N, C-alpha and C. Protein backbone atom coordinates (compact mmCIF):
# COMPACT_ATOMS: atom_id res chain seq x y z
N MET A 1 -77.29 -82.95 6.29
CA MET A 1 -77.02 -82.97 4.86
C MET A 1 -76.69 -81.56 4.42
N ALA A 2 -75.59 -81.42 3.73
CA ALA A 2 -75.13 -80.10 3.34
C ALA A 2 -75.92 -79.56 2.15
N SER A 3 -76.11 -80.36 1.12
CA SER A 3 -76.84 -79.86 -0.04
C SER A 3 -77.34 -81.02 -0.89
N VAL A 4 -78.27 -80.69 -1.75
CA VAL A 4 -78.81 -81.68 -2.68
C VAL A 4 -77.72 -82.11 -3.66
N LYS A 5 -76.91 -81.17 -4.06
CA LYS A 5 -75.81 -81.45 -4.98
C LYS A 5 -74.86 -82.50 -4.40
N ASN A 6 -74.51 -82.35 -3.12
CA ASN A 6 -73.62 -83.31 -2.48
C ASN A 6 -74.28 -84.67 -2.31
N LEU A 7 -75.58 -84.69 -2.04
CA LEU A 7 -76.30 -85.96 -1.93
C LEU A 7 -76.27 -86.69 -3.27
N LYS A 8 -76.51 -85.97 -4.36
CA LYS A 8 -76.46 -86.59 -5.68
C LYS A 8 -75.06 -87.15 -5.97
N LYS A 9 -74.04 -86.40 -5.61
CA LYS A 9 -72.66 -86.86 -5.82
C LYS A 9 -72.38 -88.12 -5.00
N ASP A 10 -72.83 -88.11 -3.74
CA ASP A 10 -72.61 -89.28 -2.89
C ASP A 10 -73.28 -90.52 -3.47
N ILE A 11 -74.51 -90.36 -3.91
CA ILE A 11 -75.24 -91.49 -4.51
C ILE A 11 -74.48 -92.00 -5.74
N ASN A 12 -74.06 -91.08 -6.58
CA ASN A 12 -73.35 -91.45 -7.81
C ASN A 12 -72.03 -92.16 -7.50
N TYR A 13 -71.24 -91.60 -6.59
CA TYR A 13 -69.92 -92.16 -6.31
C TYR A 13 -70.02 -93.52 -5.62
N VAL A 14 -70.87 -93.63 -4.62
CA VAL A 14 -70.96 -94.88 -3.86
C VAL A 14 -71.50 -96.01 -4.74
N LEU A 15 -72.58 -95.75 -5.44
CA LEU A 15 -73.14 -96.80 -6.29
C LEU A 15 -72.22 -97.11 -7.46
N GLY A 16 -71.51 -96.11 -7.95
CA GLY A 16 -70.51 -96.35 -9.00
C GLY A 16 -69.37 -97.22 -8.50
N ASP A 17 -68.94 -97.00 -7.25
CA ASP A 17 -67.89 -97.83 -6.66
C ASP A 17 -68.37 -99.27 -6.46
N ILE A 18 -69.64 -99.43 -6.11
CA ILE A 18 -70.19 -100.77 -5.94
C ILE A 18 -70.19 -101.52 -7.27
N ILE A 19 -70.60 -100.84 -8.32
CA ILE A 19 -70.60 -101.45 -9.66
C ILE A 19 -69.16 -101.79 -10.08
N GLU A 20 -68.25 -100.88 -9.82
CA GLU A 20 -66.85 -101.12 -10.16
C GLU A 20 -66.30 -102.33 -9.40
N GLU A 21 -66.68 -102.47 -8.15
CA GLU A 21 -66.23 -103.61 -7.36
C GLU A 21 -66.75 -104.93 -7.94
N CYS A 22 -67.95 -104.92 -8.47
CA CYS A 22 -68.49 -106.12 -9.13
C CYS A 22 -67.67 -106.47 -10.36
N TYR A 23 -67.31 -105.46 -11.14
CA TYR A 23 -66.50 -105.72 -12.33
C TYR A 23 -65.11 -106.25 -11.95
N VAL A 24 -64.53 -105.71 -10.90
CA VAL A 24 -63.23 -106.20 -10.43
C VAL A 24 -63.34 -107.65 -10.00
N TRP A 25 -64.41 -107.97 -9.26
CA TRP A 25 -64.62 -109.36 -8.83
C TRP A 25 -64.73 -110.28 -10.04
N GLU A 26 -65.47 -109.83 -11.07
CA GLU A 26 -65.61 -110.64 -12.29
C GLU A 26 -64.26 -110.87 -12.95
N LEU A 27 -63.40 -109.84 -12.99
CA LEU A 27 -62.09 -109.98 -13.60
C LEU A 27 -61.18 -110.90 -12.79
N LEU A 28 -61.31 -110.86 -11.49
CA LEU A 28 -60.46 -111.70 -10.63
C LEU A 28 -60.93 -113.14 -10.56
N ASN A 29 -62.17 -113.39 -10.94
CA ASN A 29 -62.74 -114.74 -10.91
C ASN A 29 -63.32 -115.09 -12.27
N PRO A 30 -62.48 -115.28 -13.28
CA PRO A 30 -62.99 -115.49 -14.64
C PRO A 30 -63.71 -116.82 -14.85
N LYS A 31 -63.43 -117.81 -14.01
CA LYS A 31 -64.04 -119.12 -14.22
C LYS A 31 -65.36 -119.29 -13.47
N VAL A 32 -65.70 -118.33 -12.64
CA VAL A 32 -66.92 -118.39 -11.84
C VAL A 32 -68.07 -117.76 -12.62
N ASP A 33 -69.26 -118.30 -12.45
CA ASP A 33 -70.45 -117.74 -13.10
C ASP A 33 -70.69 -116.32 -12.59
N THR A 34 -70.91 -115.39 -13.50
CA THR A 34 -71.04 -113.99 -13.13
C THR A 34 -72.48 -113.50 -13.03
N LYS A 35 -73.44 -114.40 -13.01
CA LYS A 35 -74.84 -113.98 -12.95
C LYS A 35 -75.15 -113.24 -11.66
N ASN A 36 -74.57 -113.66 -10.55
CA ASN A 36 -74.83 -112.99 -9.27
C ASN A 36 -74.26 -111.57 -9.28
N ALA A 37 -73.07 -111.40 -9.83
CA ALA A 37 -72.46 -110.07 -9.90
C ALA A 37 -73.27 -109.17 -10.83
N GLU A 38 -73.74 -109.72 -11.93
CA GLU A 38 -74.57 -108.94 -12.86
C GLU A 38 -75.89 -108.53 -12.22
N ALA A 39 -76.43 -109.39 -11.37
CA ALA A 39 -77.67 -109.06 -10.66
C ALA A 39 -77.44 -107.91 -9.68
N ILE A 40 -76.27 -107.91 -9.03
CA ILE A 40 -75.93 -106.82 -8.11
C ILE A 40 -75.77 -105.52 -8.88
N ILE A 41 -75.15 -105.58 -10.04
CA ILE A 41 -74.99 -104.38 -10.88
C ILE A 41 -76.35 -103.85 -11.29
N ASP A 42 -77.24 -104.74 -11.73
CA ASP A 42 -78.58 -104.31 -12.12
C ASP A 42 -79.33 -103.68 -10.94
N GLU A 43 -79.18 -104.26 -9.76
CA GLU A 43 -79.84 -103.71 -8.58
C GLU A 43 -79.27 -102.34 -8.22
N ALA A 44 -77.97 -102.16 -8.37
CA ALA A 44 -77.34 -100.88 -8.08
C ALA A 44 -77.84 -99.81 -9.05
N ILE A 45 -77.99 -100.15 -10.30
CA ILE A 45 -78.49 -99.20 -11.30
C ILE A 45 -79.94 -98.84 -11.01
N THR A 46 -80.74 -99.83 -10.66
CA THR A 46 -82.14 -99.58 -10.32
C THR A 46 -82.24 -98.68 -9.08
N THR A 47 -81.41 -98.96 -8.09
CA THR A 47 -81.39 -98.15 -6.86
C THR A 47 -80.98 -96.73 -7.18
N PHE A 48 -79.97 -96.56 -8.03
CA PHE A 48 -79.52 -95.23 -8.43
C PHE A 48 -80.65 -94.45 -9.07
N ASP A 49 -81.32 -95.08 -10.03
CA ASP A 49 -82.42 -94.40 -10.73
C ASP A 49 -83.53 -93.99 -9.77
N ALA A 50 -83.89 -94.88 -8.86
CA ALA A 50 -84.97 -94.59 -7.91
C ALA A 50 -84.59 -93.46 -6.96
N LEU A 51 -83.35 -93.48 -6.46
CA LEU A 51 -82.92 -92.44 -5.53
C LEU A 51 -82.82 -91.07 -6.20
N ILE A 52 -82.27 -91.03 -7.40
CA ILE A 52 -82.16 -89.76 -8.11
C ILE A 52 -83.55 -89.20 -8.45
N GLU A 53 -84.47 -90.08 -8.79
CA GLU A 53 -85.84 -89.65 -9.06
C GLU A 53 -86.45 -89.01 -7.80
N LYS A 54 -86.20 -89.61 -6.65
CA LYS A 54 -86.72 -89.05 -5.40
C LYS A 54 -86.06 -87.73 -5.06
N VAL A 55 -84.75 -87.62 -5.31
CA VAL A 55 -84.04 -86.37 -5.03
C VAL A 55 -84.57 -85.24 -5.92
N ASN A 56 -84.87 -85.54 -7.16
CA ASN A 56 -85.32 -84.52 -8.10
C ASN A 56 -86.81 -84.19 -7.99
N LYS A 57 -87.52 -84.87 -7.11
CA LYS A 57 -88.96 -84.64 -6.95
C LYS A 57 -89.21 -83.21 -6.48
N LYS A 58 -90.19 -82.57 -7.06
CA LYS A 58 -90.53 -81.18 -6.74
C LYS A 58 -91.79 -81.15 -5.87
N ASN A 59 -92.09 -79.98 -5.36
CA ASN A 59 -93.29 -79.71 -4.56
C ASN A 59 -93.39 -80.63 -3.34
N ILE A 60 -92.38 -80.57 -2.51
CA ILE A 60 -92.33 -81.37 -1.30
C ILE A 60 -92.65 -80.45 -0.12
N ALA A 61 -93.53 -80.91 0.75
CA ALA A 61 -93.94 -80.08 1.88
C ALA A 61 -92.81 -79.91 2.90
N ASP A 62 -92.21 -81.01 3.33
CA ASP A 62 -91.15 -80.97 4.33
C ASP A 62 -89.86 -81.47 3.70
N LYS A 63 -89.07 -80.55 3.16
CA LYS A 63 -87.86 -80.93 2.44
C LYS A 63 -86.83 -81.61 3.34
N LYS A 64 -86.70 -81.11 4.54
CA LYS A 64 -85.69 -81.68 5.44
C LYS A 64 -85.99 -83.16 5.74
N ALA A 65 -87.22 -83.47 6.05
CA ALA A 65 -87.60 -84.86 6.33
C ALA A 65 -87.48 -85.72 5.07
N HIS A 66 -87.84 -85.14 3.93
CA HIS A 66 -87.78 -85.87 2.66
C HIS A 66 -86.34 -86.30 2.35
N PHE A 67 -85.40 -85.36 2.44
CA PHE A 67 -84.02 -85.67 2.12
C PHE A 67 -83.36 -86.55 3.19
N LYS A 68 -83.80 -86.42 4.42
CA LYS A 68 -83.29 -87.29 5.47
C LYS A 68 -83.73 -88.74 5.20
N ALA A 69 -84.97 -88.92 4.77
CA ALA A 69 -85.46 -90.26 4.44
C ALA A 69 -84.71 -90.84 3.24
N ILE A 70 -84.41 -90.01 2.26
CA ILE A 70 -83.64 -90.46 1.10
C ILE A 70 -82.25 -90.91 1.53
N ASN A 71 -81.63 -90.13 2.42
CA ASN A 71 -80.29 -90.46 2.89
C ASN A 71 -80.29 -91.79 3.65
N VAL A 72 -81.30 -92.01 4.47
CA VAL A 72 -81.40 -93.27 5.22
C VAL A 72 -81.59 -94.44 4.25
N GLU A 73 -82.47 -94.26 3.26
CA GLU A 73 -82.70 -95.30 2.26
C GLU A 73 -81.43 -95.59 1.47
N PHE A 74 -80.70 -94.56 1.12
CA PHE A 74 -79.45 -94.69 0.38
C PHE A 74 -78.42 -95.50 1.18
N GLU A 75 -78.26 -95.16 2.45
CA GLU A 75 -77.30 -95.87 3.28
C GLU A 75 -77.66 -97.34 3.45
N SER A 76 -78.93 -97.63 3.63
CA SER A 76 -79.34 -99.03 3.80
C SER A 76 -79.17 -99.82 2.50
N ALA A 77 -79.48 -99.19 1.38
CA ALA A 77 -79.32 -99.86 0.08
C ALA A 77 -77.84 -100.13 -0.21
N ALA A 78 -76.99 -99.16 0.07
CA ALA A 78 -75.56 -99.33 -0.17
C ALA A 78 -74.99 -100.43 0.72
N THR A 79 -75.40 -100.46 1.97
CA THR A 79 -74.94 -101.50 2.89
C THR A 79 -75.39 -102.87 2.42
N SER A 80 -76.62 -102.97 1.97
CA SER A 80 -77.15 -104.24 1.47
C SER A 80 -76.38 -104.72 0.25
N LEU A 81 -76.10 -103.81 -0.67
CA LEU A 81 -75.36 -104.18 -1.88
C LEU A 81 -73.93 -104.62 -1.53
N LEU A 82 -73.30 -103.94 -0.58
CA LEU A 82 -71.94 -104.31 -0.19
C LEU A 82 -71.93 -105.69 0.48
N GLU A 83 -72.94 -106.00 1.25
CA GLU A 83 -73.02 -107.32 1.86
C GLU A 83 -73.16 -108.40 0.79
N LYS A 84 -73.92 -108.09 -0.26
CA LYS A 84 -74.08 -109.06 -1.35
C LYS A 84 -72.75 -109.27 -2.09
N ILE A 85 -72.01 -108.19 -2.27
CA ILE A 85 -70.71 -108.31 -2.94
C ILE A 85 -69.76 -109.15 -2.09
N ASN A 86 -69.77 -108.92 -0.79
CA ASN A 86 -68.89 -109.67 0.10
C ASN A 86 -69.23 -111.14 0.15
N SER A 87 -70.48 -111.49 -0.17
CA SER A 87 -70.87 -112.89 -0.13
C SER A 87 -70.60 -113.63 -1.46
N LEU A 88 -70.11 -112.90 -2.47
CA LEU A 88 -69.82 -113.55 -3.75
C LEU A 88 -68.72 -114.52 -3.61
């Protein structure tokens, strides 16, 4: 990981793209119920808030391990959300 700043940007961009993809799906499928897409958007926002809170946490003993764990959690959450979008 290069920096905390880049990690924050990655989290913001990837989760923002996931939310945008949900909106595009909703626009392309106007007759389909959008509750599932809205649930994915809510989950992405919740994930964003949780990850940013962990990134901004102070007084960490082992910063390298802390940020590596955040990065792993971020990747798994993003993959999970993308799989949910693909199943819409």
